[in-house]
Amino acid sequence: MDLSLYPQAMAMSAKEFVDWSRGVMDDLARTTGVKKAVDKIADPFINWGVRNSIYPLHFGIACCALEMAACSSPRYDNERLGMVFRSSPRQTDVLLVNGWVTHKLRPALRRLYEQMPEPKWVIAMGECAISGGPWYDSYNTVQGVDSFIPVDVYIPGCPPRPEAMIDGFLKLHTKIKNSKIGTFMDD
């Protein structure tokens, strides 16, 4: 192998080398057509895996939290849809917000959202999370979590039934299925 073609690789830091080599590999994959082949084979499998292993971080602070707990019961069995609740934002990909959010709580909720790894989604469950609920005109209530974090699915109700929560997660499944999640190499 002729190293004179890559003299800059000799004087790079580890991060610079990784960035440089990623660019070289990406160019190679694009010019040879490997990118399209890998995406065509890997995309359906990875997308299926992401859809069927959703790890929500439950952020319930009001009566909707009880309906969420009912959804985990044997009667509704949300785990059959791949929903396994986690307690750490670093192990989750869905932030399930229910209950009213106050201005004092907003920074903590935003921080939890930022700690989640990509890809990530947000579900606003119940009228309080969607619009502030009965406290929409209170001086201390945020009128919807979508005012400070992006919301992907809304589950209306006060409180929404477990069936509505399952329907909301199925809508998220559809959204993930129609997305580019699973594409091995970016365009």
Protein backbone atom coordinates (compact mmCIF):
# COMPACT_ATOMS: atom_id res chain seq x y z
CA MET A 1 0.00 0.00 0.00
CA ASP A 2 1.39 3.37 -1.01
CA LEU A 3 1.19 5.70 2.03
CA SER A 4 2.24 8.72 -0.01
CA LEU A 5 -1.39 8.97 -1.13
CA TYR A 6 -2.44 9.66 2.47
CA PRO A 7 0.27 11.84 4.02
CA GLN A 8 -2.19 13.84 6.12
CA ALA A 9 -3.20 10.67 8.02
CA MET A 10 0.22 10.52 9.69
CA ALA A 11 -0.17 13.79 11.63
CA MET A 12 -3.81 13.58 12.75
CA SER A 13 -5.33 13.29 16.18
CA ALA A 14 -7.56 10.28 16.80
CA LYS A 15 -10.75 12.32 16.29
CA GLU A 16 -9.44 13.89 13.09
CA PHE A 17 -8.47 10.44 11.79
CA VAL A 18 -11.90 8.98 12.55
CA ASP A 19 -13.60 11.92 10.80
CA TRP A 20 -11.25 11.65 7.82
CA SER A 21 -11.61 7.88 7.49
CA ARG A 22 -15.40 8.13 7.78
CA GLY A 23 -15.35 10.52 4.82
CA VAL A 24 -13.12 8.22 2.79
CA MET A 25 -15.31 5.18 3.53
CA ASP A 26 -18.48 7.14 2.74
CA ASP A 27 -17.05 8.27 -0.61
CA LEU A 28 -16.03 4.69 -1.41
CA ALA A 29 -19.48 3.33 -0.54
CA ARG A 30 -21.23 5.94 -2.67
CA THR A 31 -19.04 5.55 -5.74
CA THR A 32 -19.12 1.73 -5.73
CA GLY A 33 -22.88 1.43 -5.08
CA VAL A 34 -22.40 -0.44 -1.82
CA LYS A 35 -24.43 2.19 0.05
CA LYS A 36 -27.65 1.39 -1.82
CA ALA A 37 -27.18 -2.35 -1.40
CA VAL A 38 -26.50 -2.10 2.34
CA ASP A 39 -29.48 0.23 2.83
CA LYS A 40 -31.81 -2.04 0.84
CA ILE A 41 -30.84 -5.06 2.93
CA ALA A 42 -30.44 -3.48 6.39
CA ASP A 43 -33.22 -0.86 6.42
CA PRO A 44 -36.23 -3.17 6.90
CA PHE A 45 -34.55 -5.15 9.69
CA ILE A 46 -33.29 -2.16 11.65
CA ASN A 47 -36.58 -0.29 11.23
CA TRP A 48 -38.50 -3.36 12.46
CA GLY A 49 -36.20 -3.64 15.47
CA VAL A 50 -36.59 0.03 16.41
CA ARG A 51 -40.39 -0.15 16.06
CA ASN A 52 -40.74 -3.27 18.15
CA SER A 53 -38.42 -2.32 20.99
CA ILE A 54 -39.66 1.04 22.21
CA TYR A 55 -38.30 2.06 25.60
CA PRO A 56 -40.41 4.91 27.01
CA LEU A 57 -39.34 7.13 29.87
CA HIS A 58 -42.51 7.73 31.80
CA PHE A 59 -42.79 11.26 33.11
CA GLY A 60 -46.16 11.18 34.84
CA ILE A 61 -47.05 13.72 37.45
CA ALA A 62 -50.85 13.55 37.58
CA CYS A 63 -53.86 11.25 37.12
CA CYS A 64 -52.75 10.16 33.62
CA ALA A 65 -49.92 8.29 35.31
CA LEU A 66 -52.49 5.91 36.81
CA GLU A 67 -53.88 5.14 33.36
CA MET A 68 -50.34 4.53 32.13
CA ALA A 69 -49.85 2.06 34.99
CA ALA A 70 -53.14 0.37 34.04
CA CYS A 71 -51.80 -0.01 30.50
CA SER A 72 -48.92 -2.05 31.93
CA SER A 73 -51.30 -4.44 33.66
CA PRO A 74 -51.95 -7.96 32.35
CA ARG A 75 -55.30 -6.86 30.91
CA TYR A 76 -53.74 -4.48 28.36
CA ASP A 77 -50.17 -5.86 28.34
CA ASN A 78 -48.30 -3.07 26.58
CA GLU A 79 -45.13 -5.17 26.58
CA ARG A 80 -46.60 -7.27 23.74
CA LEU A 81 -46.08 -4.16 21.58
CA GLY A 82 -42.43 -3.92 22.62
CA MET A 83 -42.98 -1.12 25.17
CA VAL A 84 -40.70 -1.63 28.16
CA PHE A 85 -40.58 1.30 30.57
CA ARG A 86 -37.18 2.49 31.75
CA SER A 87 -36.16 4.92 34.47
CA SER A 88 -33.08 6.46 32.92
CA PRO A 89 -33.28 8.88 29.97
CA ARG A 90 -30.07 7.40 28.56
CA GLN A 91 -31.81 4.04 28.09
CA THR A 92 -34.97 5.35 26.43
CA ASP A 93 -36.12 6.55 23.05
CA VAL A 94 -39.63 7.84 23.87
CA LEU A 95 -40.47 10.51 26.42
CA LEU A 96 -44.05 9.93 27.59
CA VAL A 97 -45.23 13.14 29.26
CA ASN A 98 -48.51 13.27 31.12
CA GLY A 99 -49.79 15.76 33.65
CA TRP A 100 -49.44 19.50 33.85
CA VAL A 101 -46.01 20.99 33.43
CA THR A 102 -45.11 24.03 35.49
CA HIS A 103 -42.57 26.68 34.58
CA LYS A 104 -40.36 25.41 37.41
CA LEU A 105 -40.50 21.85 36.02
CA ARG A 106 -39.93 22.82 32.38
CA PRO A 107 -36.07 23.01 32.53
CA ALA A 108 -35.84 19.57 34.16
CA LEU A 109 -38.11 18.05 31.52
CA ARG A 110 -36.10 19.71 28.75
CA ARG A 111 -32.89 18.32 30.29
CA LEU A 112 -34.37 14.80 30.34
CA TYR A 113 -35.25 15.16 26.66
CA GLU A 114 -31.72 16.31 25.80
CA GLN A 115 -30.19 13.35 27.69
CA MET A 116 -32.05 10.83 25.53
CA PRO A 117 -30.03 9.33 22.66
CA GLU A 118 -31.12 9.72 19.04
CA PRO A 119 -33.48 8.69 17.54
CA LYS A 120 -36.01 9.93 20.08
CA TRP A 121 -39.68 10.75 20.13
CA VAL A 122 -42.09 12.52 22.49
CA ILE A 123 -45.68 11.58 23.30
CA ALA A 124 -47.94 14.11 25.07
CA MET A 125 -50.60 12.15 26.93
CA GLY A 126 -53.66 13.88 28.34
CA GLU A 127 -55.08 17.38 28.16
CA CYS A 128 -52.66 18.76 30.76
CA ALA A 129 -49.58 17.79 28.75
CA ILE A 130 -51.19 18.84 25.47
CA SER A 131 -52.60 22.23 26.45
CA GLY A 132 -52.37 22.80 30.20
CA GLY A 133 -55.71 21.13 30.95
CA PRO A 134 -57.96 22.81 33.50
CA TRP A 135 -55.01 24.94 34.59
CA TYR A 136 -54.30 26.37 31.10
CA ASP A 137 -54.78 29.95 32.31
CA SER A 138 -52.76 29.57 35.51
CA TYR A 139 -49.73 31.84 35.86
CA ASN A 140 -47.43 28.88 36.47
CA THR A 141 -48.67 26.28 33.96
CA VAL A 142 -46.99 25.72 30.61
CA GLN A 143 -49.66 25.53 27.91
CA GLY A 144 -48.44 22.34 26.30
CA VAL A 145 -45.11 20.56 26.21
CA ASP A 146 -44.85 21.28 22.49
CA SER A 147 -43.95 24.85 23.41
CA PHE A 148 -40.43 23.73 24.45
CA ILE A 149 -39.85 20.21 23.09
CA PRO A 150 -41.05 18.68 19.80
CA VAL A 151 -44.04 16.35 20.20
CA ASP A 152 -44.57 13.48 17.77
CA VAL A 153 -47.85 11.98 19.00
CA TYR A 154 -50.72 13.50 20.98
CA ILE A 155 -53.04 11.27 23.04
CA PRO A 156 -56.08 13.36 24.02
CA GLY A 157 -58.33 12.67 27.00
CA CYS A 158 -58.68 13.56 30.64
CA PRO A 159 -57.30 11.08 31.45
CA PRO A 160 -56.97 8.99 28.29
CA ARG A 161 -57.89 5.34 28.61
CA PRO A 162 -55.23 2.63 28.27
CA GLU A 163 -56.67 1.78 24.85
CA ALA A 164 -55.95 5.36 23.73
CA MET A 165 -52.38 5.06 24.97
CA ILE A 166 -51.90 1.82 23.03
CA ASP A 167 -53.38 3.52 19.95
CA GLY A 168 -50.91 6.40 20.42
CA PHE A 169 -47.98 3.99 20.51
CA LEU A 170 -49.30 2.24 17.39
CA LYS A 171 -49.40 5.64 15.66
CA LEU A 172 -45.75 6.08 16.73
CA HIS A 173 -45.00 2.63 15.22
CA THR A 174 -46.48 3.85 11.93
CA LYS A 175 -44.46 7.06 12.09
CA ILE A 176 -41.23 5.13 12.69
CA LYS A 177 -42.07 2.67 9.89
CA ASN A 178 -42.49 5.55 7.42
CA SER A 179 -39.27 7.27 8.51
CA LYS A 180 -35.69 6.73 7.33
CA ILE A 181 -34.78 5.00 10.61
CA GLY A 182 -32.71 1.99 9.67
CA THR A 183 -30.87 3.57 6.77
CA PHE A 184 -27.31 2.43 7.35
CA MET A 185 -25.58 5.34 5.65
CA ASP A 186 -26.85 8.92 5.52
CA ASP A 187 -27.60 10.51 2.17
